[in-house]
Amino acid sequence: MEKGKRLFYILKALLLTLLFCIAVYFENAQQQRLYVLIFIFAVYMAVGFGRSLARSDNNLYCLSFILDIALVYILEYNSRLLINYFFHFFYIVILLESSLQLGLRRGMMIGSATVLVSLIKYIYLIYYKLNLSNISQLAFFLMVNVLILVVTGFAQHNKEERERKDILYKELLDAHKKLKQYADEVNRLSVVDERNRIARDIHDTLGHNMTALIMQLQMGLHLMKENSAKAEELMVSSVKTAKDSMAAIREVVETLRGVGTVSEPVESLRKLISEFSARTGVAIELDITGETNPQDSAVNIAVYRIIQEAVTNAVRHGNASRISVKLDYSKESIRFYAADNGVGSDNVKEGYGLKGIRERVEAFGGKVEIESGDGFCIKGILYLEGKK
């Protein structure tokens, strides 16, 4: 682009110099008038050279064309001829350069001013000598100048439209690239989220049942010599627990949906607490207030898993013998509370289970608090979708 612009200004300088020499020779200009014409032409060329070094979006760049028009008019004014056609070509050069170098609006303004100033000499000619020949000259040069103005304006319009399309195309490419990156990131995060969800479900289901199974087996071993009938009963219960665990794991892996009975939230939770209490011998108190909505399946599953993990942790890590679980359902949220009488801990380290609880709560815009001292306490709130 810069190379083409440089070539344009070189050719322009050569052409204008040639036209000026012919014009001066045609006029037979001598002495003082010759020096004046040369000085004006030198200033005109200096303005053009300065413009070639300036930025085309600069106001001075636009004003330089107005100065060009004025200098060419002064050249004509100092000519001994009313019409010097060689000087008239200077106007055509200004017309072409301004229309192509400036934007469409500015180019048309400078071009229109050039056409009007170039026709002043023809108006004088008609004023001094009104005849058909002079009127024809005025009409002819007006038509030529207007034609040049229209053609260059159309060319500039096409150039701007092409540049606009190129910019838009680049923006579309950038937007497409960013969109693809966002889509890839969303897919990656979706895969990560789904993997974490499956892992949480497997951990909660397997950990819950395995904790109960281990306690049943330990109790069975302890009673084998003292009470074989009770030990046998515990062994049968252990087998059932293992089968239930396998069925639950298979359901998680195959359906990726968790426990289906959560469509009846209260009954599912009562069944969960009852079975776990029976298997482990831990006394669990369940208190549920408010009305549940079976339609809120996702949040009901989350609450189910949270309570499942809370009671499992109380037995597995806290060796609790008594657990208190409270749930409060409202139209906007679900509050939960699980406390035990286990050993507790001065320094709570969140393992996979507690992290899973926190992730489930945060997925519904809620918050969770974990406290440990005399026993262990987990409480928090989950908001129903769009209710926060």
Protein backbone atom coordinates (compact mmCIF):
# COMPACT_ATOMS: atom_id res chain seq x y z
CA MET A 1 0.00 0.00 0.00
CA GLU A 2 2.78 2.45 0.96
CA LYS A 3 4.74 1.51 -2.15
CA GLY A 4 1.74 2.25 -4.39
CA LYS A 5 1.16 5.59 -2.65
CA ARG A 6 4.81 6.58 -3.15
CA LEU A 7 4.61 5.70 -6.84
CA PHE A 8 1.45 7.80 -7.20
CA TYR A 9 3.14 10.91 -5.80
CA ILE A 10 6.22 10.43 -8.02
CA LEU A 11 4.07 10.15 -11.15
CA LYS A 12 2.00 13.13 -10.02
CA ALA A 13 5.13 15.27 -9.54
CA LEU A 14 6.45 14.36 -13.00
CA LEU A 15 3.11 15.00 -14.72
CA LEU A 16 2.51 18.35 -13.02
CA THR A 17 6.06 19.52 -13.75
CA LEU A 18 5.60 18.63 -17.40
CA LEU A 19 2.23 20.42 -17.57
CA PHE A 20 3.67 23.50 -15.86
CA CYS A 21 6.59 23.70 -18.29
CA ILE A 22 4.26 23.41 -21.26
CA ALA A 23 1.91 26.01 -19.76
CA VAL A 24 4.78 28.48 -19.18
CA TYR A 25 6.12 27.86 -22.69
CA PHE A 26 2.63 28.29 -24.16
CA GLU A 27 2.27 31.62 -22.34
CA ASN A 28 5.77 32.76 -23.20
CA ALA A 29 6.12 33.99 -19.61
CA GLN A 30 9.22 36.05 -18.93
CA GLN A 31 11.04 37.84 -16.13
CA GLN A 32 8.91 38.81 -13.11
CA ARG A 33 5.75 36.94 -14.14
CA LEU A 34 7.82 33.83 -14.81
CA TYR A 35 9.38 34.03 -11.34
CA VAL A 36 5.94 34.47 -9.77
CA LEU A 37 4.55 31.45 -11.61
CA ILE A 38 7.58 29.33 -10.67
CA PHE A 39 7.28 30.42 -7.01
CA ILE A 40 3.57 29.57 -6.88
CA PHE A 41 4.20 26.22 -8.54
CA ALA A 42 7.03 25.47 -6.08
CA VAL A 43 4.73 26.20 -3.13
CA TYR A 44 2.06 24.00 -4.73
CA MET A 45 4.55 21.13 -5.10
CA ALA A 46 5.80 21.64 -1.52
CA VAL A 47 2.22 21.37 -0.21
CA GLY A 48 1.76 18.14 -2.17
CA PHE A 49 5.06 16.76 -0.85
CA GLY A 50 4.10 17.64 2.73
CA ARG A 51 0.72 15.99 2.25
CA SER A 52 2.41 12.77 1.11
CA LEU A 53 4.07 12.54 4.53
CA ALA A 54 0.92 13.29 6.56
CA ARG A 55 -1.82 10.93 7.69
CA SER A 56 -4.93 10.86 5.51
CA ASP A 57 -7.29 11.09 8.51
CA ASN A 58 -5.74 14.35 9.65
CA ASN A 59 -7.64 17.66 9.36
CA LEU A 60 -4.49 19.31 7.97
CA TYR A 61 -4.49 16.71 5.22
CA CYS A 62 -7.94 17.89 4.18
CA LEU A 63 -7.00 21.58 4.45
CA SER A 64 -3.98 21.00 2.19
CA PHE A 65 -6.35 20.29 -0.72
CA ILE A 66 -8.11 23.61 -0.13
CA LEU A 67 -4.69 25.27 -0.26
CA ASP A 68 -3.99 23.42 -3.53
CA ILE A 69 -7.19 24.81 -5.05
CA ALA A 70 -6.25 28.33 -3.98
CA LEU A 71 -2.70 28.02 -5.41
CA VAL A 72 -3.95 26.73 -8.78
CA TYR A 73 -6.45 29.59 -8.93
CA ILE A 74 -3.59 32.05 -8.24
CA LEU A 75 -1.62 30.41 -11.06
CA GLU A 76 -4.54 31.01 -13.41
CA TYR A 77 -4.96 34.55 -12.10
CA ASN A 78 -1.31 35.34 -12.95
CA SER A 79 -1.64 33.84 -16.39
CA ARG A 80 -1.81 36.28 -19.31
CA LEU A 81 -4.50 34.07 -20.82
CA LEU A 82 -8.01 33.93 -19.43
CA ILE A 83 -8.07 30.15 -20.01
CA ASN A 84 -4.87 28.12 -19.90
CA TYR A 85 -5.98 24.52 -20.42
CA PHE A 86 -2.71 23.17 -19.05
CA PHE A 87 -3.36 24.86 -15.70
CA HIS A 88 -6.91 23.49 -15.85
CA PHE A 89 -5.45 19.93 -15.70
CA PHE A 90 -4.15 20.82 -12.23
CA TYR A 91 -7.77 20.95 -11.05
CA ILE A 92 -8.41 17.49 -12.47
CA VAL A 93 -5.37 16.14 -10.57
CA ILE A 94 -6.71 17.71 -7.34
CA LEU A 95 -10.13 16.25 -8.08
CA LEU A 96 -8.76 12.74 -8.59
CA GLU A 97 -6.38 12.83 -5.61
CA SER A 98 -8.91 14.24 -3.12
CA SER A 99 -11.65 11.82 -4.17
CA LEU A 100 -9.36 8.79 -3.86
CA GLN A 101 -7.29 9.77 -0.82
CA LEU A 102 -9.98 11.28 1.41
CA GLY A 103 -13.08 9.59 2.74
CA LEU A 104 -16.25 9.68 0.67
CA ARG A 105 -17.85 12.67 2.42
CA ARG A 106 -14.73 14.85 2.56
CA GLY A 107 -13.66 13.77 -0.90
CA MET A 108 -17.00 14.85 -2.38
CA MET A 109 -16.81 18.21 -0.56
CA ILE A 110 -13.27 18.98 -1.81
CA GLY A 111 -14.15 17.67 -5.28
CA SER A 112 -17.25 19.88 -5.49
CA ALA A 113 -15.20 22.93 -4.42
CA THR A 114 -12.58 22.09 -7.06
CA VAL A 115 -15.21 21.88 -9.80
CA LEU A 116 -16.76 25.22 -8.82
CA VAL A 117 -13.42 27.07 -8.66
CA SER A 118 -12.28 25.57 -11.98
CA LEU A 119 -15.39 26.97 -13.71
CA ILE A 120 -14.82 30.58 -12.59
CA LYS A 121 -12.74 31.38 -15.68
CA TYR A 122 -15.51 30.07 -17.97
CA ILE A 123 -18.04 32.24 -16.15
CA TYR A 124 -15.77 35.26 -16.78
CA LEU A 125 -15.45 34.22 -20.41
CA ILE A 126 -19.23 34.10 -20.86
CA TYR A 127 -19.55 37.40 -19.00
CA TYR A 128 -17.16 39.14 -21.38
CA LYS A 129 -18.29 37.33 -24.51
CA LEU A 130 -21.62 35.59 -24.49
CA ASN A 131 -21.90 33.12 -27.36
CA LEU A 132 -22.76 29.49 -28.00
CA SER A 133 -19.10 28.40 -28.22
CA ASN A 134 -18.25 29.69 -24.75
CA ILE A 135 -21.42 28.25 -23.25
CA SER A 136 -20.56 24.90 -24.88
CA GLN A 137 -17.08 25.01 -23.33
CA LEU A 138 -18.56 25.68 -19.89
CA ALA A 139 -21.08 22.85 -20.27
CA PHE A 140 -18.45 20.44 -21.61
CA PHE A 141 -15.90 21.01 -18.83
CA LEU A 142 -18.64 21.01 -16.20
CA MET A 143 -19.88 17.66 -17.48
CA VAL A 144 -16.34 16.21 -17.58
CA ASN A 145 -15.56 17.40 -14.06
CA VAL A 146 -18.85 16.12 -12.66
CA LEU A 147 -18.32 12.78 -14.41
CA ILE A 148 -14.85 12.48 -12.87
CA LEU A 149 -16.29 13.44 -9.47
CA VAL A 150 -19.06 10.83 -9.71
CA VAL A 151 -16.74 8.06 -10.94
CA THR A 152 -14.10 8.71 -8.27
CA GLY A 153 -16.81 9.02 -5.61
CA PHE A 154 -18.25 5.68 -6.67
CA ALA A 155 -14.77 4.14 -6.61
CA GLN A 156 -14.19 5.53 -3.11
CA HIS A 157 -17.56 4.22 -1.96
CA ASN A 158 -16.68 0.72 -3.23
CA LYS A 159 -13.28 0.96 -1.55
CA GLU A 160 -14.85 1.89 1.81
CA GLU A 161 -17.46 -0.85 1.49
CA ARG A 162 -14.73 -3.38 0.71
CA GLU A 163 -12.70 -2.23 3.71
CA ARG A 164 -15.83 -2.40 5.87
CA LYS A 165 -16.51 -5.93 4.67
CA ASP A 166 -12.90 -6.93 5.35
CA ILE A 167 -13.14 -5.54 8.90
CA LEU A 168 -16.48 -7.27 9.44
CA TYR A 169 -15.06 -10.53 8.06
CA LYS A 170 -12.08 -10.33 10.42
CA GLU A 171 -14.42 -9.59 13.34
CA LEU A 172 -16.57 -12.57 12.36
CA LEU A 173 -13.48 -14.79 12.18
CA ASP A 174 -12.37 -13.57 15.62
CA ALA A 175 -15.90 -14.08 16.99
CA HIS A 176 -16.02 -17.57 15.46
CA LYS A 177 -12.64 -18.40 16.97
CA LYS A 178 -13.72 -17.12 20.41
CA LEU A 179 -17.06 -18.92 20.11
CA LYS A 180 -15.27 -22.16 19.31
CA GLN A 181 -12.98 -21.63 22.30
CA TYR A 182 -16.00 -20.93 24.52
CA ALA A 183 -17.79 -24.01 23.15
CA ASP A 184 -14.73 -26.18 23.78
CA GLU A 185 -14.43 -24.73 27.30
CA VAL A 186 -18.14 -25.33 27.98
CA ASN A 187 -17.82 -28.91 26.73
CA ARG A 188 -14.76 -29.44 28.88
CA LEU A 189 -16.46 -27.98 31.95
CA SER A 190 -19.60 -29.99 31.22
CA VAL A 191 -17.53 -33.16 31.08
CA VAL A 192 -15.75 -32.19 34.31
CA ASP A 193 -19.04 -31.33 36.04
CA GLU A 194 -20.66 -34.56 34.89
CA ARG A 195 -17.62 -36.57 35.95
CA ASN A 196 -17.66 -34.91 39.38
CA ARG A 197 -21.40 -35.48 39.73
CA ILE A 198 -21.07 -39.18 38.88
CA ALA A 199 -18.12 -39.46 41.25
CA ARG A 200 -20.13 -37.81 44.04
CA ASP A 201 -23.10 -40.12 43.45
CA ILE A 202 -20.91 -43.23 43.45
CA HIS A 203 -19.04 -42.03 46.52
CA ASP A 204 -22.21 -41.18 48.43
CA THR A 205 -24.03 -44.39 47.53
CA LEU A 206 -21.09 -46.75 47.96
CA GLY A 207 -19.71 -45.01 51.04
CA HIS A 208 -23.10 -44.98 52.75
CA ASN A 209 -23.78 -48.67 52.13
CA MET A 210 -20.22 -49.79 52.76
CA THR A 211 -20.21 -48.03 56.14
CA ALA A 212 -23.37 -49.90 57.12
CA LEU A 213 -21.97 -53.18 55.72
CA ILE A 214 -18.70 -52.85 57.67
CA MET A 215 -20.56 -52.23 60.91
CA GLN A 216 -22.85 -55.23 60.29
CA LEU A 217 -19.86 -57.48 59.60
CA GLN A 218 -18.06 -56.24 62.71
CA MET A 219 -21.13 -56.86 64.83
CA GLY A 220 -21.54 -60.30 63.22
CA LEU A 221 -17.95 -61.27 64.02
CA HIS A 222 -18.44 -60.12 67.59
CA LEU A 223 -21.64 -62.20 68.02
CA MET A 224 -20.51 -65.37 66.20
CA LYS A 225 -19.49 -67.10 69.43
CA GLU A 226 -22.00 -65.52 71.81
CA ASN A 227 -25.17 -65.47 69.68
CA SER A 228 -24.88 -67.45 66.46
CA ALA A 229 -28.53 -66.85 65.51
CA LYS A 230 -28.09 -63.08 65.76
CA ALA A 231 -24.77 -63.32 63.92
CA GLU A 232 -26.44 -65.30 61.13
CA GLU A 233 -29.16 -62.67 60.93
CA LEU A 234 -26.52 -59.97 60.59
CA MET A 235 -24.74 -61.97 57.87
CA VAL A 236 -27.99 -62.24 55.90
CA SER A 237 -28.53 -58.51 56.36
CA SER A 238 -24.97 -57.87 55.21
CA VAL A 239 -25.54 -59.85 52.01
CA LYS A 240 -28.69 -57.81 51.36
CA THR A 241 -26.77 -54.59 51.98
CA ALA A 242 -24.06 -55.68 49.53
CA LYS A 243 -26.69 -56.52 46.90
CA ASP A 244 -28.43 -53.20 47.48
CA SER A 245 -25.08 -51.46 47.07
CA MET A 246 -24.43 -53.22 43.79
CA ALA A 247 -27.89 -52.34 42.51
CA ALA A 248 -27.47 -48.70 43.52
CA ILE A 249 -24.04 -48.45 41.88
CA ARG A 250 -25.36 -50.03 38.69
CA GLU A 251 -28.22 -47.55 38.65
CA VAL A 252 -25.84 -44.60 39.05
CA VAL A 253 -23.51 -45.83 36.31
CA GLU A 254 -26.25 -46.77 33.85
CA THR A 255 -28.68 -43.90 34.33
CA LEU A 256 -26.38 -41.17 35.75
CA ARG A 257 -29.41 -39.96 37.67
CA GLY A 258 -29.03 -41.15 41.24
CA VAL A 259 -31.86 -42.62 43.33
CA GLY A 260 -35.23 -42.63 41.58
CA THR A 261 -37.28 -42.74 44.76
CA VAL A 262 -36.36 -39.12 45.47
CA SER A 263 -39.47 -38.23 43.46
CA GLU A 264 -41.08 -38.75 46.92
CA PRO A 265 -38.60 -36.71 48.97
CA VAL A 266 -39.92 -37.26 52.49
CA GLU A 267 -40.54 -40.98 52.08
CA SER A 268 -37.13 -41.45 50.46
CA LEU A 269 -35.39 -39.67 53.33
CA ARG A 270 -37.35 -41.59 55.99
CA LYS A 271 -36.47 -44.86 54.26
CA LEU A 272 -32.80 -43.83 54.03
CA ILE A 273 -32.63 -42.97 57.75
CA SER A 274 -34.60 -46.03 58.84
CA GLU A 275 -32.47 -48.50 56.87
CA PHE A 276 -29.18 -46.90 57.87
CA SER A 277 -30.20 -46.83 61.52
CA ALA A 278 -31.24 -50.48 61.38
CA ARG A 279 -27.98 -51.56 59.72
CA THR A 280 -25.63 -49.58 61.97
CA GLY A 281 -27.56 -49.51 65.26
CA VAL A 282 -27.17 -45.73 65.43
CA ALA A 283 -30.15 -43.79 66.79
CA ILE A 284 -31.17 -41.18 64.19
CA GLU A 285 -33.84 -38.57 64.81
CA LEU A 286 -35.40 -37.10 61.64
CA ASP A 287 -37.48 -33.92 61.82
CA ILE A 288 -39.01 -32.58 58.58
CA THR A 289 -41.09 -29.39 58.45
CA GLY A 290 -42.77 -27.57 55.57
CA GLU A 291 -44.14 -28.93 52.32
CA THR A 292 -41.95 -30.57 49.70
CA ASN A 293 -42.41 -30.32 45.95
CA PRO A 294 -41.72 -33.56 44.07
CA GLN A 295 -41.27 -31.50 40.87
CA ASP A 296 -38.02 -30.06 42.18
CA SER A 297 -36.23 -33.30 41.39
CA ALA A 298 -32.69 -31.93 41.13
CA VAL A 299 -32.70 -30.17 44.50
CA ASN A 300 -34.45 -33.13 46.17
CA ILE A 301 -31.71 -35.45 44.92
CA ALA A 302 -29.08 -32.99 46.21
CA VAL A 303 -30.71 -32.88 49.68
CA TYR A 304 -30.97 -36.69 49.72
CA ARG A 305 -27.26 -37.04 48.94
CA ILE A 306 -26.28 -34.38 51.49
CA ILE A 307 -28.14 -36.14 54.32
CA GLN A 308 -26.83 -39.51 53.15
CA GLU A 309 -23.24 -38.26 53.30
CA ALA A 310 -23.79 -36.44 56.64
CA VAL A 311 -25.03 -39.52 58.51
CA THR A 312 -22.38 -41.70 56.87
CA ASN A 313 -19.59 -39.35 57.98
CA ALA A 314 -21.03 -39.20 61.48
CA VAL A 315 -20.67 -42.98 61.81
CA ARG A 316 -17.54 -43.57 59.74
CA HIS A 317 -15.37 -40.72 61.05
CA GLY A 318 -17.10 -39.61 64.25
CA ASN A 319 -18.13 -43.00 65.70
CA ALA A 320 -21.44 -41.35 66.61
CA SER A 321 -24.18 -43.25 68.37
CA ARG A 322 -26.84 -40.58 68.00
CA ILE A 323 -27.60 -38.25 65.07
CA SER A 324 -30.15 -35.46 64.75
CA VAL A 325 -31.32 -34.49 61.27
CA LYS A 326 -33.65 -31.56 60.57
CA LEU A 327 -35.05 -30.33 57.27
CA ASP A 328 -37.17 -27.24 56.66
CA TYR A 329 -38.88 -26.91 53.26
CA SER A 330 -40.26 -23.58 51.99
CA LYS A 331 -41.33 -22.20 48.62
CA GLU A 332 -37.95 -20.54 48.13
CA SER A 333 -35.41 -22.79 49.82
CA ILE A 334 -34.56 -25.94 51.77
CA ARG A 335 -32.63 -25.66 55.04
CA PHE A 336 -30.83 -28.69 56.45
CA TYR A 337 -29.15 -29.49 59.75
CA ALA A 338 -27.29 -32.65 60.79
CA ALA A 339 -25.54 -32.97 64.17
CA ASP A 340 -24.08 -35.97 66.01
CA ASN A 341 -22.50 -36.85 69.33
CA GLY A 342 -19.33 -38.21 67.79
CA VAL A 343 -15.73 -37.47 68.69
CA GLY A 344 -15.53 -34.30 66.59
CA SER A 345 -12.29 -32.64 65.55
CA ASP A 346 -10.42 -29.44 66.33
CA ASN A 347 -9.12 -29.22 62.78
CA VAL A 348 -11.69 -30.16 60.15
CA LYS A 349 -10.17 -31.29 56.87
CA GLU A 350 -12.64 -31.51 54.04
CA GLY A 351 -12.37 -34.83 52.31
CA TYR A 352 -14.22 -35.92 49.21
CA GLY A 353 -17.51 -36.30 51.06
CA LEU A 354 -17.57 -32.82 52.61
CA LYS A 355 -16.39 -31.28 49.35
CA GLY A 356 -19.23 -33.07 47.61
CA ILE A 357 -21.73 -31.57 50.08
CA ARG A 358 -20.32 -28.09 49.52
CA GLU A 359 -20.43 -28.49 45.73
CA ARG A 360 -24.05 -29.65 45.82
CA VAL A 361 -25.07 -26.71 48.00
CA GLU A 362 -23.21 -24.14 45.87
CA ALA A 363 -24.78 -25.59 42.71
CA PHE A 364 -28.12 -24.25 44.02
CA GLY A 365 -26.75 -20.87 45.07
CA GLY A 366 -26.71 -21.81 48.75
CA LYS A 367 -24.14 -21.91 51.51
CA VAL A 368 -23.03 -24.49 54.04
CA GLU A 369 -21.40 -24.29 57.47
CA ILE A 370 -19.35 -27.12 58.97
CA GLU A 371 -18.64 -27.05 62.71
CA SER A 372 -16.86 -29.51 64.96
CA GLY A 373 -16.37 -29.59 68.71
CA ASP A 374 -18.47 -31.83 70.88
CA GLY A 375 -19.55 -33.85 67.90
CA PHE A 376 -19.98 -32.75 64.34
CA CYS A 377 -22.54 -30.36 62.80
CA ILE A 378 -23.37 -29.60 59.18
CA LYS A 379 -25.98 -26.98 58.32
CA GLY A 380 -26.85 -24.97 55.27
CA ILE A 381 -29.43 -23.79 52.78
CA LEU A 382 -30.22 -24.61 49.14
CA TYR A 383 -32.34 -22.28 47.01
CA LEU A 384 -34.89 -23.58 44.56
CA GLU A 385 -34.17 -22.65 40.96
CA GLY A 386 -34.79 -18.96 40.26
CA LYS A 387 -35.89 -18.28 43.86
CA LYS A 388 -32.76 -16.71 45.28
